[in-house]
Amino acid sequence: MSKERKSKTETGNFFEDFTVGQAFRHATPRTLTEADAALNIGLYGSRFAINSSDVFAQALGLPRAPLDDMAVFHVVIGKTVSDISVNAVANLGYAEFRWGVPVFPGDTLSVSSKVLGLRENSNKQSGVVWVRSTGVNQRAEMVLDYVRWVMVHKRDHAAEVGAPVVPKPAPSVAPADLIVPSMSMLSYDDEAAGSPHRWEDYEAGEKIDHVSGITLEDSDHMFSTRLYQNTARVHFDAHAGKSTRFGRRLAYGGHVISLARALSFNGLANGFRVAAINGGSHVGPTFGGDTIYAWSEILEKASLPGRSDIGALRVRTIAAKDHPCSDFPGKGADGKYHPAVVLDLDYWLLMPRR
């Protein structure tokens, strides 16, 4: 009698495999090391002093330089891909991101997710999946908690799915809900940080052209997807990419976010920590060979409860490809984005006060 053979490999979840309330404990916890900190600089060119110097960080009361906030972002999102977005068409947006305790070399991160909502697209070929994901360290302390939504292919275009459930994430994270690490700005060194401009020097409505551009090579975003164990086919499979509407693989959106954050050093060097992302979207596709530029607008300034040494800036950073940002490309009067715009990110940045 022949026995039925069952595959030991996984194809990942397609849209019709998800249900609202479904929970995932994602595989492969990741221990971060000094090598991860160095590779993050090598990939994106980030120059923020607190992530670069143990001496600088220790002067603020931290045990050593923490990992870059965006490196934590990449690791946590990378853990979710095999269950949530391995069959993605594209990542669409972010909301309610909050960073928790700082992550240091030697910390091990684990991630879990819960499906919040589902909506099939009108073409019946894909649908949007909303999830809340939470990353914790080895002490079960939250390091990152967020909502994101991603468009996922259907396996069977004819498969029936349930009625849409569309969550409504909060439009922003309240300043009082920002998590501020246990540290003091009394010994903050502006010269070492690279800028004399502190919280008081910024005004709502101010726009900052970050001037420089960084060309994203195929080898760069391929390395970052492997480094962060991001297995989404749309990013790493060039052969499969030929059959997509773009005809090529799509650069990992988080790579563009990190490039924009690194570019923002020129103008926001004392923004020592990304505390939250209120919302964000990948407006257009990015590919190897594109040169990324960025500009930022200060949307709001906020004092923080019990902290006279640290304030928060609400910042909107726009990234554009192959288009310098001296003309501040964004949305026009018709509500449409300038064709060069690839990223629109609204976030809270912590900055020392005088």
Protein backbone atom coordinates (compact mmCIF):
# COMPACT_ATOMS: atom_id res chain seq x y z
CA MET A 1 0.00 0.00 0.00
CA SER A 2 1.44 3.36 -1.00
CA LYS A 3 1.60 6.08 1.57
CA GLU A 4 0.56 9.62 0.84
CA ARG A 5 3.57 11.86 0.66
CA LYS A 6 3.36 15.20 2.46
CA SER A 7 5.65 18.08 1.67
CA LYS A 8 7.96 19.20 4.45
CA THR A 9 8.41 22.62 2.87
CA GLU A 10 6.19 25.66 3.32
CA THR A 11 4.86 28.00 0.65
CA GLY A 12 3.84 30.61 3.20
CA ASN A 13 0.41 32.06 3.83
CA PHE A 14 -1.66 33.49 1.00
CA PHE A 15 -4.50 35.93 1.55
CA GLU A 16 -7.20 33.28 1.92
CA ASP A 17 -5.16 31.54 4.66
CA PHE A 18 -5.56 34.44 7.10
CA THR A 19 -8.38 34.91 9.60
CA VAL A 20 -9.10 37.86 11.86
CA GLY A 21 -7.78 37.13 15.35
CA GLN A 22 -5.24 34.58 14.09
CA ALA A 23 -2.05 34.62 16.18
CA PHE A 24 1.52 33.82 15.19
CA ARG A 25 4.60 33.12 17.24
CA HIS A 26 7.30 33.76 14.64
CA ALA A 27 10.29 31.46 14.25
CA THR A 28 14.00 32.14 14.68
CA PRO A 29 14.74 34.46 17.62
CA ARG A 30 17.71 36.66 16.79
CA THR A 31 20.64 37.57 19.07
CA LEU A 32 22.10 40.91 17.99
CA THR A 33 25.83 41.58 18.21
CA GLU A 34 28.38 44.31 17.61
CA ALA A 35 28.62 42.98 14.06
CA ASP A 36 24.97 43.92 13.50
CA ALA A 37 25.71 47.48 14.60
CA ALA A 38 28.67 47.70 12.23
CA LEU A 39 26.75 46.19 9.31
CA ASN A 40 23.91 48.65 9.85
CA ILE A 41 26.37 51.53 9.40
CA GLY A 42 27.88 49.82 6.36
CA LEU A 43 24.48 49.42 4.71
CA TYR A 44 22.96 52.82 5.39
CA GLY A 45 25.74 55.19 6.46
CA SER A 46 24.01 56.25 9.68
CA ARG A 47 26.11 58.66 11.78
CA PHE A 48 24.11 59.20 14.97
CA ALA A 49 26.55 59.41 17.86
CA ILE A 50 24.48 57.49 20.41
CA ASN A 51 24.58 54.38 18.19
CA SER A 52 28.21 54.86 17.20
CA SER A 53 30.04 55.47 20.47
CA ASP A 54 29.97 53.60 23.78
CA VAL A 55 31.65 56.62 25.40
CA PHE A 56 28.91 58.97 24.15
CA ALA A 57 26.13 56.62 25.28
CA GLN A 58 27.70 56.00 28.69
CA ALA A 59 27.89 59.74 29.33
CA LEU A 60 24.09 59.74 29.06
CA GLY A 61 23.73 56.89 31.56
CA LEU A 62 23.38 53.96 29.17
CA PRO A 63 25.55 50.86 29.63
CA ARG A 64 26.88 51.12 26.05
CA ALA A 65 25.82 52.23 22.57
CA PRO A 66 22.37 50.82 21.75
CA LEU A 67 21.55 49.31 18.38
CA ASP A 68 20.15 51.74 15.84
CA ASP A 69 16.36 52.01 16.21
CA MET A 70 15.94 51.13 12.55
CA ALA A 71 18.07 48.00 12.95
CA VAL A 72 15.56 46.87 15.59
CA PHE A 73 12.79 47.72 13.10
CA HIS A 74 14.41 45.52 10.42
CA VAL A 75 14.97 42.55 12.72
CA VAL A 76 11.43 42.58 14.13
CA ILE A 77 9.76 42.98 10.74
CA GLY A 78 12.08 40.35 9.25
CA LYS A 79 10.86 37.78 11.79
CA THR A 80 7.25 38.29 10.64
CA VAL A 81 7.82 37.87 6.91
CA SER A 82 7.68 34.08 6.64
CA ASP A 83 4.19 34.03 8.21
CA ILE A 84 2.76 37.37 7.08
CA SER A 85 4.31 38.75 3.92
CA VAL A 86 6.39 36.10 2.14
CA ASN A 87 3.75 36.17 -0.62
CA ALA A 88 3.34 39.94 -0.56
CA VAL A 89 2.70 42.15 -3.53
CA ALA A 90 3.97 45.10 -1.49
CA ASN A 91 4.05 46.50 2.04
CA LEU A 92 1.54 49.36 2.16
CA GLY A 93 1.76 51.22 5.43
CA TYR A 94 2.58 51.55 9.12
CA ALA A 95 0.86 52.96 12.20
CA GLU A 96 1.08 52.97 16.00
CA PHE A 97 4.79 52.11 16.03
CA ARG A 98 6.36 52.54 19.46
CA TRP A 99 9.90 51.66 20.40
CA GLY A 100 10.33 50.31 23.92
CA VAL A 101 13.49 49.55 25.88
CA PRO A 102 16.79 50.09 24.04
CA VAL A 103 18.41 47.04 22.42
CA PHE A 104 22.08 46.35 23.10
CA PRO A 105 24.55 43.86 21.63
CA GLY A 106 23.85 40.51 23.29
CA ASP A 107 20.07 40.97 23.44
CA THR A 108 17.87 38.32 21.81
CA LEU A 109 14.69 39.44 20.07
CA SER A 110 11.54 37.36 19.53
CA VAL A 111 8.36 38.40 17.75
CA SER A 112 4.64 37.55 17.73
CA SER A 113 1.76 38.89 15.62
CA LYS A 114 -2.04 38.99 15.55
CA VAL A 115 -4.23 39.54 12.47
CA LEU A 116 -6.40 42.65 12.96
CA GLY A 117 -8.17 42.92 9.62
CA LEU A 118 -8.61 41.59 6.09
CA ARG A 119 -9.96 43.06 2.86
CA GLU A 120 -9.98 41.35 -0.53
CA ASN A 121 -9.09 43.53 -3.50
CA SER A 122 -11.63 44.04 -6.27
CA ASN A 123 -9.49 42.10 -8.76
CA LYS A 124 -9.85 38.97 -6.57
CA GLN A 125 -6.13 38.29 -7.06
CA SER A 126 -4.91 39.67 -3.74
CA GLY A 127 -6.00 41.30 -0.51
CA VAL A 128 -4.79 43.51 2.31
CA VAL A 129 -3.82 42.01 5.67
CA TRP A 130 -3.50 44.18 8.81
CA VAL A 131 -1.39 42.81 11.68
CA ARG A 132 -0.12 44.00 15.03
CA SER A 133 3.36 42.69 15.80
CA THR A 134 5.32 42.89 19.03
CA GLY A 135 9.04 42.34 19.51
CA VAL A 136 10.45 41.54 22.94
CA ASN A 137 13.91 40.91 24.35
CA GLN A 138 15.06 37.90 26.39
CA ARG A 139 13.48 39.47 29.50
CA ALA A 140 10.09 39.78 27.74
CA GLU A 141 10.48 43.57 27.66
CA MET A 142 8.86 45.24 24.66
CA VAL A 143 11.35 46.65 22.15
CA LEU A 144 8.91 47.45 19.33
CA ASP A 145 5.14 47.27 18.90
CA TYR A 146 3.35 48.28 15.70
CA VAL A 147 0.58 47.86 13.15
CA ARG A 148 1.36 47.36 9.48
CA TRP A 149 -0.68 46.40 6.46
CA VAL A 150 0.51 44.46 3.48
CA MET A 151 -1.00 43.40 0.16
CA VAL A 152 -0.77 39.61 -0.21
CA HIS A 153 -1.39 37.41 -3.26
CA LYS A 154 -4.23 34.87 -3.26
CA ARG A 155 -3.25 31.29 -4.03
CA ASP A 156 -6.61 30.63 -5.72
CA HIS A 157 -8.21 33.67 -7.32
CA ALA A 158 -11.60 31.96 -7.13
CA ALA A 159 -11.36 31.24 -3.39
CA GLU A 160 -14.21 32.75 -1.38
CA VAL A 161 -13.22 34.93 1.55
CA GLY A 162 -15.19 36.54 4.36
CA ALA A 163 -16.59 40.04 4.62
CA PRO A 164 -13.96 42.75 4.93
CA VAL A 165 -12.77 43.81 8.37
CA VAL A 166 -10.82 47.07 8.15
CA PRO A 167 -9.25 48.33 11.38
CA LYS A 168 -8.74 52.04 12.02
CA PRO A 169 -5.31 52.56 13.57
CA ALA A 170 -4.83 55.70 15.65
CA PRO A 171 -3.81 58.68 13.50
CA SER A 172 -0.82 59.33 15.74
CA VAL A 173 0.93 58.27 18.93
CA ALA A 174 0.29 60.73 21.75
CA PRO A 175 3.45 62.39 23.12
CA ALA A 176 2.54 61.18 26.62
CA ASP A 177 2.67 57.60 25.30
CA LEU A 178 6.22 57.87 23.95
CA ILE A 179 8.67 55.66 25.81
CA VAL A 180 11.77 57.57 26.88
CA PRO A 181 14.78 55.46 27.92
CA SER A 182 16.21 55.93 31.39
CA MET A 183 18.98 58.41 30.60
CA SER A 184 20.02 62.01 31.21
CA MET A 185 20.92 64.74 28.73
CA LEU A 186 23.00 66.74 31.25
CA SER A 187 26.26 65.52 29.67
CA TYR A 188 25.03 65.54 26.08
CA ASP A 189 27.88 66.65 23.83
CA ASP A 190 26.62 68.69 20.87
CA GLU A 191 30.03 68.80 19.24
CA ALA A 192 30.46 65.04 19.37
CA ALA A 193 26.89 64.59 18.12
CA GLY A 194 27.60 66.82 15.13
CA SER A 195 25.11 69.67 15.58
CA PRO A 196 24.45 72.65 17.89
CA HIS A 197 20.71 72.55 17.13
CA ARG A 198 18.49 71.30 19.93
CA TRP A 199 14.73 71.00 20.47
CA GLU A 200 14.28 74.74 21.05
CA ASP A 201 15.84 75.58 17.67
CA TYR A 202 13.12 73.92 15.58
CA GLU A 203 9.73 75.39 14.70
CA ALA A 204 6.55 73.78 13.40
CA GLY A 205 6.32 74.28 9.65
CA GLU A 206 10.08 74.39 9.16
CA LYS A 207 11.37 72.42 6.17
CA ILE A 208 14.86 70.92 5.97
CA ASP A 209 16.53 69.74 2.78
CA HIS A 210 18.94 66.98 3.83
CA VAL A 211 20.96 67.76 0.67
CA SER A 212 22.87 64.55 -0.02
CA GLY A 213 21.77 61.52 -1.99
CA ILE A 214 22.62 57.83 -1.62
CA THR A 215 22.43 55.45 -4.57
CA LEU A 216 20.80 52.16 -3.63
CA GLU A 217 22.52 49.25 -5.37
CA ASP A 218 20.89 45.86 -5.94
CA SER A 219 23.67 44.34 -3.82
CA ASP A 220 22.76 46.69 -0.93
CA HIS A 221 19.11 45.79 -0.58
CA MET A 222 19.82 42.14 -1.32
CA PHE A 223 22.32 42.12 1.54
CA SER A 224 19.86 43.81 3.89
CA THR A 225 17.07 41.31 3.12
CA ARG A 226 19.45 38.45 3.89
CA LEU A 227 20.89 40.14 6.98
CA TYR A 228 17.43 40.65 8.46
CA GLN A 229 16.18 37.22 7.29
CA ASN A 230 13.47 38.86 5.21
CA THR A 231 12.32 36.11 2.84
CA ALA A 232 9.67 38.06 0.88
CA ARG A 233 10.00 36.83 -2.70
CA VAL A 234 9.28 40.27 -4.12
CA HIS A 235 12.63 41.45 -2.72
CA PHE A 236 15.10 38.64 -3.23
CA ASP A 237 13.94 36.50 -6.15
CA ALA A 238 15.02 38.22 -9.39
CA HIS A 239 13.71 35.34 -11.52
CA ALA A 240 10.23 35.57 -9.99
CA GLY A 241 10.43 39.36 -10.23
CA LYS A 242 10.41 39.16 -14.01
CA SER A 243 6.78 38.06 -13.93
CA THR A 244 5.59 40.98 -11.76
CA ARG A 245 4.11 44.23 -13.06
CA PHE A 246 7.49 45.85 -12.47
CA GLY A 247 9.41 43.17 -14.36
CA ARG A 248 12.11 43.11 -11.68
CA ARG A 249 12.56 42.62 -7.94
CA LEU A 250 11.46 45.42 -5.66
CA ALA A 251 13.82 46.97 -3.12
CA TYR A 252 12.89 46.34 0.52
CA GLY A 253 10.94 49.37 1.76
CA GLY A 254 12.66 49.34 5.14
CA HIS A 255 15.95 49.87 3.33
CA VAL A 256 14.59 53.14 1.96
CA ILE A 257 13.41 54.18 5.45
CA SER A 258 16.90 53.59 6.85
CA LEU A 259 18.49 55.56 4.02
CA ALA A 260 16.13 58.47 4.69
CA ARG A 261 16.89 58.32 8.41
CA ALA A 262 20.64 58.29 7.70
CA LEU A 263 20.31 61.25 5.30
CA SER A 264 18.34 63.20 7.93
CA PHE A 265 21.48 63.42 10.06
CA ASN A 266 22.28 66.57 8.08
CA GLY A 267 19.77 68.84 9.79
CA LEU A 268 18.53 66.53 12.57
CA ALA A 269 21.77 65.14 14.01
CA ASN A 270 20.61 65.58 17.61
CA GLY A 271 17.45 63.55 16.98
CA PHE A 272 18.98 60.71 18.96
CA ARG A 273 16.02 58.35 18.96
CA VAL A 274 13.04 57.47 16.79
CA ALA A 275 10.38 56.97 19.48
CA ALA A 276 7.33 56.24 17.31
CA ILE A 277 5.98 56.15 13.78
CA ASN A 278 2.54 57.71 13.49
CA GLY A 279 2.00 56.61 9.93
CA GLY A 280 3.85 55.92 6.76
CA SER A 281 3.49 54.67 3.25
CA HIS A 282 5.70 53.49 0.43
CA VAL A 283 4.31 55.82 -2.18
CA GLY A 284 6.24 54.40 -5.12
CA PRO A 285 8.52 51.47 -5.93
CA THR A 286 12.29 51.61 -5.50
CA PHE A 287 14.81 49.56 -7.43
CA GLY A 288 18.54 48.97 -7.53
CA GLY A 289 20.24 51.94 -9.17
CA ASP A 290 17.84 54.55 -7.77
CA THR A 291 19.40 57.46 -5.86
CA ILE A 292 17.51 58.40 -2.70
CA TYR A 293 17.23 61.99 -1.45
CA ALA A 294 15.21 63.23 1.52
CA TRP A 295 13.68 66.29 3.13
CA SER A 296 11.81 66.78 6.40
CA GLU A 297 9.12 69.04 7.77
CA ILE A 298 8.66 69.74 11.48
CA LEU A 299 4.97 69.09 12.11
CA GLU A 300 4.77 69.61 15.85
CA LYS A 301 6.81 70.14 19.01
CA ALA A 302 5.87 68.49 22.30
CA SER A 303 7.14 68.60 25.86
CA LEU A 304 7.36 65.25 27.61
CA PRO A 305 5.86 64.59 31.05
CA GLY A 306 8.50 64.79 33.77
CA ARG A 307 11.35 65.51 31.33
CA SER A 308 12.86 68.98 31.14
CA ASP A 309 15.97 67.66 29.37
CA ILE A 310 14.27 65.89 26.42
CA GLY A 311 11.60 67.08 24.01
CA ALA A 312 9.84 65.46 21.07
CA LEU A 313 9.63 66.64 17.49
CA ARG A 314 6.94 65.28 15.20
CA VAL A 315 8.67 65.00 11.84
CA ARG A 316 7.48 64.15 8.36
CA THR A 317 10.27 62.86 6.14
CA ILE A 318 9.79 62.50 2.41
CA ALA A 319 12.18 60.39 0.33
CA ALA A 320 12.41 60.82 -3.43
CA LYS A 321 14.33 58.89 -6.06
CA ASP A 322 16.59 60.48 -8.64
CA HIS A 323 15.28 63.90 -7.64
CA PRO A 324 17.14 66.30 -5.29
CA CYS A 325 14.87 67.68 -2.58
CA SER A 326 15.67 71.39 -2.71
CA ASP A 327 12.17 71.94 -4.16
CA PHE A 328 10.63 69.80 -1.40
CA PRO A 329 8.68 67.34 -3.58
CA GLY A 330 5.55 65.97 -1.94
CA LYS A 331 1.82 66.17 -2.57
CA GLY A 332 0.46 68.70 -5.02
CA ALA A 333 -2.75 70.73 -4.77
CA ASP A 334 -4.53 67.82 -6.45
CA GLY A 335 -3.52 65.50 -3.60
CA LYS A 336 -1.21 63.47 -5.81
CA TYR A 337 2.42 62.90 -4.98
CA HIS A 338 5.27 64.20 -7.08
CA PRO A 339 6.25 61.23 -9.31
CA ALA A 340 9.70 60.97 -7.71
CA VAL A 341 8.37 60.43 -4.15
CA VAL A 342 8.81 56.89 -2.83
CA LEU A 343 8.30 57.31 0.95
CA ASP A 344 6.17 59.49 3.22
CA LEU A 345 6.90 58.90 6.92
CA ASP A 346 5.39 60.68 9.95
CA TYR A 347 7.25 59.98 13.22
CA TRP A 348 8.27 61.26 16.65
CA LEU A 349 11.92 62.03 17.26
CA LEU A 350 13.47 62.55 20.71
CA MET A 351 15.91 65.44 21.02
CA PRO A 352 17.84 67.03 23.91
CA ARG A 353 16.64 70.36 25.35
CA ARG A 354 18.77 73.15 26.73
